[in-house]
């Protein structure tokens, strides 16, 4: 049984016991009723269980929406990956492949590590 339905059952049982106790004690003893502490405990338990049931339901709905969004994004990304493929994965690679010949790769020259910028008074 999920948390939501367990909280609903606890709230229903708590309210039923509170009402039943008040009716039985009221009928048996006339004007004397169930002590305030017992009624307050039963009503607090029912209220807490109701809030817990609502929060559990909201969590369940949010989880379902996130799952649906994840599934949609996964399928969309797979569709985009299928449509683009490896042939046109990058602009440069696609351009070079469309030209029909392999181009030579020209390495960039070494960086000069000793150079630094001069800002006026650095003499």
Protein backbone atom coordinates (compact mmCIF):
# COMPACT_ATOMS: atom_id res chain seq x y z
CA UNK A 1 0.00 0.00 0.00
CA UNK A 2 1.41 3.35 -0.99
CA UNK A 3 2.05 6.19 1.41
CA UNK A 4 -0.89 8.18 0.09
CA UNK A 5 -3.45 5.46 0.71
CA UNK A 6 -1.94 4.54 4.06
CA UNK A 7 -2.36 8.16 5.16
CA UNK A 8 -5.97 8.19 3.94
CA UNK A 9 -6.71 5.02 5.94
CA UNK A 10 -5.07 6.47 9.06
CA UNK A 11 -7.11 9.67 8.75
CA UNK A 12 -10.37 7.77 8.25
CA UNK A 13 -9.72 5.42 11.17
CA UNK A 14 -8.69 8.28 13.44
CA UNK A 15 -11.83 10.29 12.72
CA UNK A 16 -14.03 7.20 13.03
CA UNK A 17 -12.55 6.34 16.42
CA UNK A 18 -12.95 9.93 17.62
CA UNK A 19 -16.62 10.12 16.60
CA UNK A 20 -17.37 6.63 17.92
CA UNK A 21 -15.72 7.35 21.28
CA UNK A 22 -17.63 10.61 21.66
CA UNK A 23 -20.96 8.94 20.80
CA UNK A 24 -20.41 5.94 23.09
CA UNK A 25 -19.15 7.96 26.05
CA UNK A 26 -21.87 10.59 25.54
CA UNK A 27 -24.60 7.95 25.45
CA UNK A 28 -23.24 5.98 28.41
CA UNK A 29 -22.39 8.84 30.76
CA UNK A 30 -24.84 11.51 29.66
CA UNK A 31 -23.15 14.92 29.71
CA UNK A 32 -19.65 13.66 30.45
CA UNK A 33 -17.62 13.35 27.26
CA UNK A 34 -14.27 12.13 26.10
CA UNK A 35 -11.39 14.17 27.53
CA UNK A 36 -10.14 17.09 25.42
CA UNK A 37 -6.68 15.54 25.05
CA UNK A 38 -8.09 12.41 23.36
CA UNK A 39 -10.18 14.49 20.94
CA UNK A 40 -7.25 16.79 20.17
CA UNK A 41 -4.95 13.82 19.54
CA UNK A 42 -7.45 12.17 17.19
CA UNK A 43 -8.10 15.37 15.23
CA UNK A 44 -4.37 16.17 15.03
CA UNK A 45 -3.63 12.67 13.76
CA UNK A 46 -6.37 12.94 11.13
CA UNK A 47 -5.18 16.36 10.00
CA UNK A 48 -1.56 15.28 9.76
CA UNK A 49 -2.51 12.17 7.80
CA UNK A 50 -4.62 14.26 5.41
CA UNK A 51 -1.74 16.67 4.76
CA UNK A 52 0.60 13.73 4.24
CA UNK A 53 -1.83 12.17 1.74
CA UNK A 54 -2.04 15.42 -0.25
CA UNK A 55 1.75 15.83 -0.31
CA UNK A 56 2.20 12.19 -1.36
CA UNK A 57 -0.30 12.67 -4.19
CA UNK A 58 1.47 15.81 -5.40
CA UNK A 59 4.79 13.97 -5.28
CA UNK A 60 3.34 11.10 -7.31
CA UNK A 61 2.00 13.51 -9.96
CA UNK A 62 5.28 15.42 -10.16
CA UNK A 63 7.21 12.18 -10.52
CA UNK A 64 4.91 11.09 -13.37
CA UNK A 65 5.40 14.41 -15.17
CA UNK A 66 9.18 14.27 -14.81
CA UNK A 67 9.19 10.69 -16.12
CA UNK A 68 7.08 11.70 -19.13
CA UNK A 69 9.35 14.67 -19.84
CA UNK A 70 12.46 12.48 -19.56
CA UNK A 71 10.99 9.93 -21.96
CA UNK A 72 10.06 12.65 -24.43
CA UNK A 73 13.50 14.26 -24.30
CA UNK A 74 15.21 10.88 -24.67
CA UNK A 75 13.16 9.99 -27.73
CA UNK A 76 13.70 13.43 -29.23
CA UNK A 77 17.47 13.25 -28.70
CA UNK A 78 17.57 9.77 -30.23
CA UNK A 79 15.59 11.06 -33.22
CA UNK A 80 17.97 13.99 -33.66
CA UNK A 81 20.98 11.69 -33.36
CA UNK A 82 19.51 9.34 -35.95
CA UNK A 83 18.83 12.20 -38.38
CA UNK A 84 22.22 13.86 -38.09
CA UNK A 85 24.40 10.76 -37.98
CA UNK A 86 28.18 10.76 -37.89
CA UNK A 87 28.64 12.06 -41.46
CA UNK A 88 27.61 15.62 -40.65
CA UNK A 89 28.42 15.63 -36.94
CA UNK A 90 30.65 18.68 -37.23
CA UNK A 91 30.67 21.60 -39.64
CA UNK A 92 34.29 21.24 -40.68
CA UNK A 93 34.13 17.48 -41.11
CA UNK A 94 30.93 17.78 -43.17
CA UNK A 95 32.46 20.50 -45.33
CA UNK A 96 35.64 18.52 -45.96
CA UNK A 97 33.72 15.35 -46.75
CA UNK A 98 31.44 17.20 -49.18
CA UNK A 99 34.48 18.55 -51.06
CA UNK A 100 35.50 15.01 -51.93
CA UNK A 101 39.18 15.11 -50.98
CA UNK A 102 41.18 14.94 -47.81
CA UNK A 103 42.75 18.19 -46.72
CA UNK A 104 46.07 18.40 -44.97
CA UNK A 105 46.05 19.33 -41.33
CA UNK A 106 48.32 22.28 -40.63
CA UNK A 107 49.62 22.38 -37.06
CA UNK A 108 49.60 25.64 -35.15
CA UNK A 109 53.06 26.95 -34.31
CA UNK A 110 54.46 26.70 -30.78
CA UNK A 111 53.48 29.35 -28.30
CA UNK A 112 56.11 31.71 -27.01
CA UNK A 113 56.06 31.30 -23.24
CA UNK A 114 58.51 34.13 -22.52
CA UNK A 115 56.28 36.86 -23.99
CA UNK A 116 54.22 39.08 -21.81
CA UNK A 117 52.25 42.26 -22.31
CA UNK A 118 53.78 45.59 -21.36
CA UNK A 119 51.48 47.98 -19.54
CA UNK A 120 53.18 51.34 -19.44
CA UNK A 121 55.32 51.33 -16.30
CA UNK A 122 56.56 47.71 -16.43
CA UNK A 123 60.03 48.66 -17.66
